[in-house]
Amino acid sequence: MRTLLVLIGFAALVLVALLFFGIINIDQTRPGVVQAPAFKADVAKVRMGTEQKTVTVPTVDIDKPGNTAAAH
């Protein structure tokens, strides 16, 4: 039961964040006097694609220390 409440709370926080950043915009299009109110939701459009790029990757060299005895 506690897990369900946490999930509902998390979903509510995500919805509030999406509304705050303007990703979701909900406008009431018909007043709710006698009929049920109507709403129109504009959501952000996401376009996905791929492109090929050449990326230079640095090389990493590891020098192991020699077997030298430390003088005390």
C-alpha atoms as a PDB file:
ATOM      1  CA  MET A   1       0.000   0.000   0.000  1.00  0.00           C
ATOM      2  CA  ARG A   2       2.838   2.361   0.854  1.00  0.00           C
ATOM      3  CA  THR A   3       4.510   1.609  -2.486  1.00  0.00           C
ATOM      4  CA  LEU A   4       1.322   2.513  -4.356  1.00  0.00           C
ATOM      5  CA  LEU A   5       1.096   5.836  -2.526  1.00  0.00           C
ATOM      6  CA  VAL A   6       4.750   6.584  -3.303  1.00  0.00           C
ATOM      7  CA  LEU A   7       4.170   5.837  -7.002  1.00  0.00           C
ATOM      8  CA  ILE A   8       1.076   8.071  -7.100  1.00  0.00           C
ATOM      9  CA  GLY A   9       3.005  10.851  -5.376  1.00  0.00           C
ATOM     10  CA  PHE A  10       5.911  10.485  -7.801  1.00  0.00           C
ATOM     11  CA  ALA A  11       3.527  10.591 -10.777  1.00  0.00           C
ATOM     12  CA  ALA A  12       1.938  13.764  -9.383  1.00  0.00           C
ATOM     13  CA  LEU A  13       5.362  15.403  -8.997  1.00  0.00           C
ATOM     14  CA  VAL A  14       6.288  14.493 -12.579  1.00  0.00           C
ATOM     15  CA  LEU A  15       3.007  15.967 -13.841  1.00  0.00           C
ATOM     16  CA  VAL A  16       3.579  19.194 -11.906  1.00  0.00           C
ATOM     17  CA  ALA A  17       7.135  19.447 -13.271  1.00  0.00           C
ATOM     18  CA  LEU A  18       5.925  18.914 -16.853  1.00  0.00           C
ATOM     19  CA  LEU A  19       3.288  21.617 -16.396  1.00  0.00           C
ATOM     20  CA  PHE A  20       5.831  23.981 -14.812  1.00  0.00           C
ATOM     21  CA  PHE A  21       8.358  23.654 -17.659  1.00  0.00           C
ATOM     22  CA  GLY A  22       5.661  24.072 -20.311  1.00  0.00           C
ATOM     23  CA  ILE A  23       6.021  20.613 -21.811  1.00  0.00           C
ATOM     24  CA  ILE A  24       2.318  20.035 -21.166  1.00  0.00           C
ATOM     25  CA  ASN A  25      -0.227  22.835 -21.471  1.00  0.00           C
ATOM     26  CA  ILE A  26      -3.850  22.159 -20.480  1.00  0.00           C
ATOM     27  CA  ASP A  27      -6.545  24.705 -21.366  1.00  0.00           C
ATOM     28  CA  GLN A  28     -10.245  24.501 -20.553  1.00  0.00           C
ATOM     29  CA  THR A  29     -12.090  24.854 -23.863  1.00  0.00           C
ATOM     30  CA  ARG A  30     -15.709  24.695 -22.619  1.00  0.00           C
ATOM     31  CA  PRO A  31     -16.987  25.984 -19.261  1.00  0.00           C
ATOM     32  CA  GLY A  32     -18.316  23.356 -16.906  1.00  0.00           C
ATOM     33  CA  VAL A  33     -21.729  24.848 -16.197  1.00  0.00           C
ATOM     34  CA  VAL A  34     -24.304  22.242 -17.224  1.00  0.00           C
ATOM     35  CA  GLN A  35     -22.154  19.978 -19.358  1.00  0.00           C
ATOM     36  CA  ALA A  36     -18.937  18.344 -18.375  1.00  0.00           C
ATOM     37  CA  PRO A  37     -15.979  20.652 -19.058  1.00  0.00           C
ATOM     38  CA  ALA A  38     -13.870  19.951 -22.138  1.00  0.00           C
ATOM     39  CA  PHE A  39     -10.096  20.277 -22.106  1.00  0.00           C
ATOM     40  CA  LYS A  40      -7.499  20.533 -24.828  1.00  0.00           C
ATOM     41  CA  ALA A  41      -3.936  19.443 -24.107  1.00  0.00           C
ATOM     42  CA  ASP A  42      -0.898  20.564 -26.109  1.00  0.00           C
ATOM     43  CA  VAL A  43       2.129  18.419 -25.503  1.00  0.00           C
ATOM     44  CA  ALA A  44       5.684  18.847 -26.705  1.00  0.00           C
ATOM     45  CA  LYS A  45       6.674  17.175 -29.962  1.00  0.00           C
ATOM     46  CA  VAL A  46       9.760  14.993 -29.845  1.00  0.00           C
ATOM     47  CA  ARG A  47      11.571  14.126 -33.025  1.00  0.00           C
ATOM     48  CA  MET A  48      14.154  11.378 -32.972  1.00  0.00           C
ATOM     49  CA  GLY A  49      16.757  10.506 -35.556  1.00  0.00           C
ATOM     50  CA  THR A  50      20.275   9.285 -36.015  1.00  0.00           C
ATOM     51  CA  GLU A  51      23.350  10.785 -37.573  1.00  0.00           C
ATOM     52  CA  GLN A  52      26.870   9.532 -38.013  1.00  0.00           C
ATOM     53  CA  LYS A  53      29.720  11.499 -36.501  1.00  0.00           C
ATOM     54  CA  THR A  54      33.424  10.873 -36.077  1.00  0.00           C
ATOM     55  CA  VAL A  55      34.528  11.385 -32.516  1.00  0.00           C
ATOM     56  CA  THR A  56      38.145  11.383 -31.371  1.00  0.00           C
ATOM     57  CA  VAL A  57      38.642   9.322 -28.272  1.00  0.00           C
ATOM     58  CA  PRO A  58      41.705   9.925 -26.088  1.00  0.00           C
ATOM     59  CA  THR A  59      43.999   7.027 -25.310  1.00  0.00           C
ATOM     60  CA  VAL A  60      44.901   6.222 -21.736  1.00  0.00           C
ATOM     61  CA  ASP A  61      48.294   4.767 -20.800  1.00  0.00           C
ATOM     62  CA  ILE A  62      48.909   3.222 -17.404  1.00  0.00           C
ATOM     63  CA  ASP A  63      52.487   3.031 -16.117  1.00  0.00           C
ATOM     64  CA  LYS A  64      52.844   0.566 -13.269  1.00  0.00           C
ATOM     65  CA  PRO A  65      55.387   1.532 -10.632  1.00  0.00           C
ATOM     66  CA  GLY A  66      58.539  -0.571 -10.437  1.00  0.00           C
ATOM     67  CA  ASN A  67      59.402  -2.867  -7.561  1.00  0.00           C
ATOM     68  CA  THR A  68      61.522  -0.364  -5.649  1.00  0.00           C
ATOM     69  CA  ALA A  69      61.874  -0.720  -1.923  1.00  0.00           C
ATOM     70  CA  ALA A  70      61.105   2.379   0.107  1.00  0.00           C
ATOM     71  CA  ALA A  71      63.890   3.486   2.413  1.00  0.00           C
ATOM     72  CA  HIS A  72      62.868   4.125   5.986  1.00  0.00           C
END
